[in-house]
């Protein structure tokens, strides 16, 4: 890890309870910053990376000496010693429970995710995230209210991609997500579920068994939310950001105008990732046709009819982060 020298907090200040470079304290500082709401969570990872320490970020936040490019969402100085003590107790409890916690300062933080601008500052992982194998991830997503044809397509695509050695990433939701995870498992492949809730609040409850089978098969559950965080309307778009960031490409099977899968296609285009839309989806929805014909931020989606077309386009492609570390 990299931790540049920082100013020593004044005695009695909340950040003085934490030591820069001590990993549990860095995790606690991130916890305080995420809970405090004073710094935009979407920018928090970049701020911590820039400073090299979450403890230093917390100290600067308290001392009102943030870099000029950071615009707080709330007035500075709202963190108390009690907030820090609670965070330390929570982190100690998570670590004692054996939770796998990865921060942006850790070498085990997924490199593909680290390459996006709005990465989360911290991840909780259950199961096994394999850096090398999981560079080759494809997100298979779609609506919860899928048609039988859509479910069949999702199963076929996930199965063929899994048999070619790609990790299938999806969101553990009903419909397309469930079919994608199930097909990957049936093919003996790897699959990773990115949750819109904490690891101790599996949602939907009907997929608790599926989540356990994913872990038992050597896959992983990932969440950017604290372990007991419930699902909420705002957590699922955040989940889509992580799914896109983890993946080489996103393929959307079925998605309505307002669906999270359409949102993920947009996010993936913003990230400069490959986006594949089934031709049947493009023929049905104006938004899908627009993403193929006009694109977004200089990147266009590609209409496909089969996994073979996707595989041909993905051949030899790896994320920039993976290439840099090779």
Protein backbone atom coordinates (compact mmCIF):
# COMPACT_ATOMS: atom_id res chain seq x y z
CA UNK A 1 0.00 0.00 0.00
CA UNK A 2 1.07 3.62 -0.39
CA UNK A 3 0.64 5.95 2.57
CA UNK A 4 2.41 9.31 2.23
CA UNK A 5 3.29 11.27 5.34
CA UNK A 6 0.30 13.23 6.64
CA UNK A 7 -0.29 15.79 9.29
CA UNK A 8 -0.68 14.37 12.79
CA UNK A 9 -4.22 15.11 14.02
CA UNK A 10 -4.60 17.27 17.05
CA UNK A 11 -4.95 15.42 20.34
CA UNK A 12 -8.59 14.70 21.08
CA UNK A 13 -9.71 15.03 17.46
CA UNK A 14 -11.69 12.00 16.14
CA UNK A 15 -9.06 11.12 13.51
CA UNK A 16 -6.42 11.00 16.28
CA UNK A 17 -8.04 7.72 17.34
CA UNK A 18 -6.87 6.16 14.04
CA UNK A 19 -3.37 5.49 12.71
CA UNK A 20 -2.56 5.99 8.99
CA UNK A 21 -1.34 2.75 7.43
CA UNK A 22 -2.90 0.46 10.03
CA UNK A 23 -5.35 -1.53 7.95
CA UNK A 24 -8.25 -1.85 10.45
CA UNK A 25 -7.99 1.90 11.05
CA UNK A 26 -8.05 2.61 7.31
CA UNK A 27 -11.20 0.48 6.99
CA UNK A 28 -12.72 2.31 9.97
CA UNK A 29 -11.89 5.70 8.42
CA UNK A 30 -13.62 4.68 5.17
CA UNK A 31 -16.61 3.53 7.20
CA UNK A 32 -16.83 6.90 8.96
CA UNK A 33 -16.51 8.80 5.69
CA UNK A 34 -19.17 6.68 3.98
CA UNK A 35 -21.60 7.11 6.87
CA UNK A 36 -20.94 10.80 7.31
CA UNK A 37 -22.23 11.81 3.90
CA UNK A 38 -20.04 14.92 3.75
CA UNK A 39 -17.99 13.63 0.83
CA UNK A 40 -19.66 12.18 -2.30
CA UNK A 41 -19.36 8.39 -2.06
CA UNK A 42 -18.87 8.18 -5.84
CA UNK A 43 -15.75 10.34 -5.46
CA UNK A 44 -14.52 8.95 -2.16
CA UNK A 45 -12.33 6.23 -3.66
CA UNK A 46 -10.57 8.75 -5.91
CA UNK A 47 -10.01 11.07 -2.94
CA UNK A 48 -8.52 8.24 -0.86
CA UNK A 49 -6.33 7.16 -3.77
CA UNK A 50 -5.14 10.74 -4.26
CA UNK A 51 -4.22 11.14 -0.58
CA UNK A 52 -3.00 7.57 -0.12
CA UNK A 53 -4.87 7.07 3.14
CA UNK A 54 -8.47 7.17 4.31
CA UNK A 55 -7.27 8.24 7.76
CA UNK A 56 -5.56 11.22 6.13
CA UNK A 57 -8.76 11.99 4.19
CA UNK A 58 -10.74 11.94 7.44
CA UNK A 59 -8.18 14.21 9.12
CA UNK A 60 -8.31 16.70 6.25
CA UNK A 61 -12.09 16.59 6.28
CA UNK A 62 -12.14 17.40 9.99
CA UNK A 63 -9.54 20.18 9.65
CA UNK A 64 -11.33 21.76 6.68
CA UNK A 65 -8.29 21.58 4.45
CA UNK A 66 -9.58 19.48 1.57
CA UNK A 67 -7.94 19.88 -1.86
CA UNK A 68 -9.67 22.55 -3.99
CA UNK A 69 -11.11 20.00 -6.45
CA UNK A 70 -13.24 18.38 -3.72
CA UNK A 71 -16.69 19.86 -3.06
CA UNK A 72 -18.23 18.56 0.19
CA UNK A 73 -21.93 17.72 0.13
CA UNK A 74 -22.38 18.77 3.75
CA UNK A 75 -20.67 21.29 6.04
CA UNK A 76 -17.29 20.06 7.25
CA UNK A 77 -16.58 19.01 10.79
CA UNK A 78 -19.58 16.77 11.45
CA UNK A 79 -17.65 13.67 12.58
CA UNK A 80 -17.42 12.94 16.30
CA UNK A 81 -15.18 10.69 18.37
CA UNK A 82 -18.26 8.54 18.99
CA UNK A 83 -18.61 8.03 15.20
CA UNK A 84 -15.01 6.83 15.00
CA UNK A 85 -15.34 4.53 18.01
CA UNK A 86 -18.50 2.97 16.55
CA UNK A 87 -16.75 2.41 13.23
CA UNK A 88 -13.82 0.74 14.98
CA UNK A 89 -16.17 -1.60 16.86
CA UNK A 90 -18.02 -2.46 13.66
CA UNK A 91 -14.81 -3.15 11.73
CA UNK A 92 -13.45 -5.32 14.56
CA UNK A 93 -16.70 -7.28 14.49
CA UNK A 94 -16.60 -7.73 10.71
CA UNK A 95 -13.00 -8.92 10.80
CA UNK A 96 -13.64 -11.26 13.74
CA UNK A 97 -16.56 -12.73 11.76
CA UNK A 98 -14.14 -13.49 8.92
CA UNK A 99 -15.62 -11.05 6.40
CA UNK A 100 -13.36 -10.41 3.41
CA UNK A 101 -13.07 -6.62 3.15
CA UNK A 102 -11.20 -4.98 0.24
CA UNK A 103 -10.49 -1.25 0.10
CA UNK A 104 -9.17 0.76 -2.83
CA UNK A 105 -5.79 0.81 -1.06
CA UNK A 106 -5.53 -2.98 -0.98
CA UNK A 107 -3.74 -5.01 -3.67
CA UNK A 108 -6.67 -7.46 -3.59
CA UNK A 109 -9.19 -4.84 -4.72
CA UNK A 110 -10.35 -5.93 -8.22
CA UNK A 111 -8.10 -4.18 -10.73
CA UNK A 112 -10.78 -4.00 -13.40
CA UNK A 113 -13.04 -2.15 -10.95
CA UNK A 114 -10.20 0.13 -9.89
CA UNK A 115 -9.98 1.46 -13.44
CA UNK A 116 -13.39 3.20 -13.39
CA UNK A 117 -13.88 6.75 -12.12
CA UNK A 118 -16.85 6.02 -9.82
CA UNK A 119 -15.56 2.90 -8.10
CA UNK A 120 -16.71 2.20 -4.53
CA UNK A 121 -14.15 2.79 -1.78
CA UNK A 122 -14.72 -0.61 -0.20
CA UNK A 123 -16.07 -4.07 -1.06
CA UNK A 124 -17.27 -6.97 1.05
CA UNK A 125 -16.70 -10.38 -0.53
CA UNK A 126 -18.02 -13.81 0.37
CA UNK A 127 -16.48 -16.70 -1.51
CA UNK A 128 -13.56 -16.43 -3.90
CA UNK A 129 -12.69 -13.53 -6.18
CA UNK A 130 -9.92 -14.66 -8.54
CA UNK A 131 -8.04 -11.68 -9.97
CA UNK A 132 -6.62 -13.46 -12.99
CA UNK A 133 -9.64 -15.57 -13.94
CA UNK A 134 -12.14 -12.83 -13.23
CA UNK A 135 -10.51 -10.32 -15.57
CA UNK A 136 -12.45 -12.31 -18.17
CA UNK A 137 -15.88 -11.41 -16.82
CA UNK A 138 -19.03 -10.70 -18.81
CA UNK A 139 -22.11 -9.23 -17.15
CA UNK A 140 -25.34 -10.87 -18.33
CA UNK A 141 -28.29 -8.73 -17.25
CA UNK A 142 -31.93 -8.09 -17.99
CA UNK A 143 -35.39 -7.51 -16.62
CA UNK A 144 -36.91 -9.21 -13.59
CA UNK A 145 -40.12 -9.67 -15.59
CA UNK A 146 -38.50 -11.72 -18.32
CA UNK A 147 -40.33 -13.67 -20.99
CA UNK A 148 -39.72 -17.39 -21.35
CA UNK A 149 -37.84 -16.63 -24.57
CA UNK A 150 -35.68 -14.15 -22.71
CA UNK A 151 -34.90 -16.64 -19.95
CA UNK A 152 -33.91 -19.24 -22.54
CA UNK A 153 -31.63 -16.76 -24.30
CA UNK A 154 -30.00 -15.75 -21.03
CA UNK A 155 -29.34 -19.40 -20.15
CA UNK A 156 -27.87 -20.14 -23.57
CA UNK A 157 -25.62 -17.06 -23.60
CA UNK A 158 -24.37 -17.60 -20.05
CA UNK A 159 -23.72 -21.28 -20.67
CA UNK A 160 -21.71 -20.70 -23.85
CA UNK A 161 -19.68 -17.88 -22.30
CA UNK A 162 -19.00 -19.96 -19.18
CA UNK A 163 -17.85 -22.91 -21.29
CA UNK A 164 -15.34 -20.58 -22.97
CA UNK A 165 -13.90 -19.67 -19.58
CA UNK A 166 -15.62 -16.34 -18.96
CA UNK A 167 -16.85 -15.50 -15.47
CA UNK A 168 -20.56 -14.69 -15.55
CA UNK A 169 -21.38 -11.59 -13.53
CA UNK A 170 -24.98 -10.76 -12.67
CA UNK A 171 -27.08 -9.23 -9.92
CA UNK A 172 -28.86 -12.20 -8.26
CA UNK A 173 -32.21 -10.64 -9.15
CA UNK A 174 -35.25 -12.56 -10.33
CA UNK A 175 -35.59 -13.23 -14.04
CA UNK A 176 -32.61 -12.85 -16.36
CA UNK A 177 -30.02 -12.61 -13.55
CA UNK A 178 -31.15 -15.84 -11.93
CA UNK A 179 -31.11 -17.66 -15.26
CA UNK A 180 -27.58 -16.43 -16.00
CA UNK A 181 -26.21 -17.56 -12.63
CA UNK A 182 -27.98 -20.93 -12.86
CA UNK A 183 -26.70 -21.60 -16.37
CA UNK A 184 -23.11 -20.80 -15.42
CA UNK A 185 -23.31 -23.18 -12.47
CA UNK A 186 -24.88 -25.91 -14.59
CA UNK A 187 -22.02 -25.57 -17.09
CA UNK A 188 -19.43 -25.93 -14.33
CA UNK A 189 -18.30 -22.34 -14.85
CA UNK A 190 -17.59 -19.39 -12.57
CA UNK A 191 -20.23 -16.89 -11.62
CA UNK A 192 -20.17 -13.80 -9.41
CA UNK A 193 -23.23 -12.10 -7.92
CA UNK A 194 -23.07 -8.36 -7.21
CA UNK A 195 -25.63 -7.45 -4.59
CA UNK A 196 -27.80 -4.39 -4.11
CA UNK A 197 -27.79 -5.09 -0.37
CA UNK A 198 -25.35 -6.21 2.31
CA UNK A 199 -23.99 -9.76 2.40
CA UNK A 200 -26.15 -10.55 5.42
CA UNK A 201 -29.31 -9.30 3.69
CA UNK A 202 -29.52 -11.47 0.57
CA UNK A 203 -32.19 -10.12 -1.76
CA UNK A 204 -34.46 -11.48 -3.02
CA UNK A 205 -34.81 -14.00 -0.18
CA UNK A 206 -35.85 -16.70 -2.63
CA UNK A 207 -32.30 -16.63 -4.06
CA UNK A 208 -30.57 -17.32 -0.75
CA UNK A 209 -30.06 -20.94 -1.84
CA UNK A 210 -28.65 -19.80 -5.18
CA UNK A 211 -26.23 -17.47 -3.41
CA UNK A 212 -24.96 -20.36 -1.28
CA UNK A 213 -24.49 -22.55 -4.36
CA UNK A 214 -22.49 -19.79 -6.06
CA UNK A 215 -20.10 -19.64 -3.10
CA UNK A 216 -19.92 -23.44 -2.78
CA UNK A 217 -19.01 -23.72 -6.47
CA UNK A 218 -16.03 -21.40 -6.01
CA UNK A 219 -17.70 -18.18 -7.11
CA UNK A 220 -18.29 -15.04 -5.09
CA UNK A 221 -20.83 -12.62 -3.72
CA UNK A 222 -19.76 -8.95 -3.79
CA UNK A 223 -21.31 -5.94 -2.12
CA UNK A 224 -20.25 -2.32 -1.70
CA UNK A 225 -22.74 -1.93 1.16
CA UNK A 226 -22.23 -2.62 4.85
CA UNK A 227 -23.10 -6.25 5.72
CA UNK A 228 -26.51 -5.55 7.26
CA UNK A 229 -27.59 -2.88 4.77
CA UNK A 230 -31.08 -3.58 3.38
CA UNK A 231 -31.93 -3.29 -0.30
CA UNK A 232 -33.31 0.09 -1.35
CA UNK A 233 -34.32 1.76 -4.58
CA UNK A 234 -31.06 3.75 -4.72
CA UNK A 235 -28.76 0.78 -4.02
CA UNK A 236 -29.44 -1.03 -7.29
CA UNK A 237 -28.08 1.68 -9.62
CA UNK A 238 -24.93 1.67 -7.45
CA UNK A 239 -24.79 -2.10 -7.92
CA UNK A 240 -24.96 -1.64 -11.70
CA UNK A 241 -21.86 0.56 -11.58
CA UNK A 242 -19.90 -2.22 -9.89
CA UNK A 243 -21.16 -4.89 -12.29
CA UNK A 244 -20.08 -2.78 -15.25
CA UNK A 245 -16.70 -1.99 -13.71
CA UNK A 246 -15.92 -5.62 -12.96
CA UNK A 247 -16.72 -6.78 -16.49
CA UNK A 248 -15.05 -6.73 -19.87
CA UNK A 249 -18.48 -6.40 -21.39
CA UNK A 250 -22.17 -6.16 -20.56
CA UNK A 251 -24.78 -8.07 -22.53
CA UNK A 252 -28.42 -7.04 -22.13
CA UNK A 253 -30.94 -9.75 -22.93
CA UNK A 254 -34.29 -8.02 -22.24
CA UNK A 255 -34.81 -4.57 -20.75
CA UNK A 256 -37.57 -1.98 -20.73
CA UNK A 257 -37.06 1.77 -21.03
CA UNK A 258 -36.77 2.29 -17.26
CA UNK A 259 -35.07 -0.96 -16.25
CA UNK A 260 -31.81 -1.29 -14.36
CA UNK A 261 -30.40 -3.32 -17.25
CA UNK A 262 -30.83 -0.35 -19.58
CA UNK A 263 -29.10 1.77 -16.94
CA UNK A 264 -26.22 -0.69 -16.82
CA UNK A 265 -25.82 -0.50 -20.60
CA UNK A 266 -25.52 3.28 -20.28
CA UNK A 267 -23.04 3.01 -17.42
CA UNK A 268 -20.92 0.48 -19.29
CA UNK A 269 -20.77 2.81 -22.30
CA UNK A 270 -19.66 5.62 -19.95
CA UNK A 271 -16.94 3.29 -18.65
CA UNK A 272 -15.79 2.57 -22.20
CA UNK A 273 -16.68 -1.11 -21.85
CA UNK A 274 -18.14 -3.27 -24.61
CA UNK A 275 -21.93 -3.42 -24.63
CA UNK A 276 -23.82 -6.13 -26.49
CA UNK A 277 -27.56 -5.87 -27.05
CA UNK A 278 -29.53 -8.77 -28.47
CA UNK A 279 -30.89 -7.93 -31.90
CA UNK A 280 -34.41 -8.70 -30.68
CA UNK A 281 -33.98 -6.01 -28.01
CA UNK A 282 -32.68 -3.49 -30.55
CA UNK A 283 -35.65 -4.14 -32.82
CA UNK A 284 -38.09 -3.59 -29.95
CA UNK A 285 -36.76 -0.52 -28.11
CA UNK A 286 -35.73 2.93 -29.32
CA UNK A 287 -33.15 3.33 -26.54
CA UNK A 288 -31.38 0.14 -27.62
CA UNK A 289 -31.37 1.22 -31.26
CA UNK A 290 -29.98 4.62 -30.24
CA UNK A 291 -27.13 3.00 -28.28
CA UNK A 292 -26.22 0.92 -31.33
CA UNK A 293 -26.54 3.68 -33.94
CA UNK A 294 -25.34 6.73 -31.99
CA UNK A 295 -23.62 5.33 -28.90
CA UNK A 296 -22.61 7.36 -25.88
CA UNK A 297 -19.36 9.11 -24.95
CA UNK A 298 -17.75 7.85 -28.14
CA UNK A 299 -18.65 4.18 -27.55
CA UNK A 300 -21.39 2.31 -29.38
CA UNK A 301 -23.25 -0.80 -28.36
CA UNK A 302 -23.20 -3.76 -30.74
CA UNK A 303 -26.27 -5.74 -31.76
CA UNK A 304 -25.68 -9.50 -31.63
CA UNK A 305 -27.66 -12.66 -32.20
CA UNK A 306 -25.44 -15.20 -30.48
CA UNK A 307 -22.72 -15.81 -27.93
CA UNK A 308 -20.42 -16.69 -30.82
CA UNK A 309 -20.60 -13.13 -32.13
CA UNK A 310 -19.69 -11.80 -28.69
CA UNK A 311 -16.84 -14.28 -28.30
CA UNK A 312 -15.41 -13.31 -31.67
CA UNK A 313 -15.41 -9.64 -30.66
CA UNK A 314 -13.99 -10.31 -27.20
CA UNK A 315 -11.20 -12.54 -28.46
CA UNK A 316 -7.91 -11.32 -27.09
CA UNK A 317 -9.43 -8.40 -25.22
CA UNK A 318 -8.53 -7.66 -21.57
CA UNK A 319 -9.19 -4.60 -19.41
CA UNK A 320 -6.55 -1.88 -19.38
CA UNK A 321 -5.83 -2.64 -15.71
CA UNK A 322 -5.13 -6.26 -16.52
CA UNK A 323 -2.87 -5.39 -19.43
CA UNK A 324 -0.89 -3.00 -17.27
CA UNK A 325 -0.22 -5.70 -14.66
CA UNK A 326 0.69 -8.45 -17.11
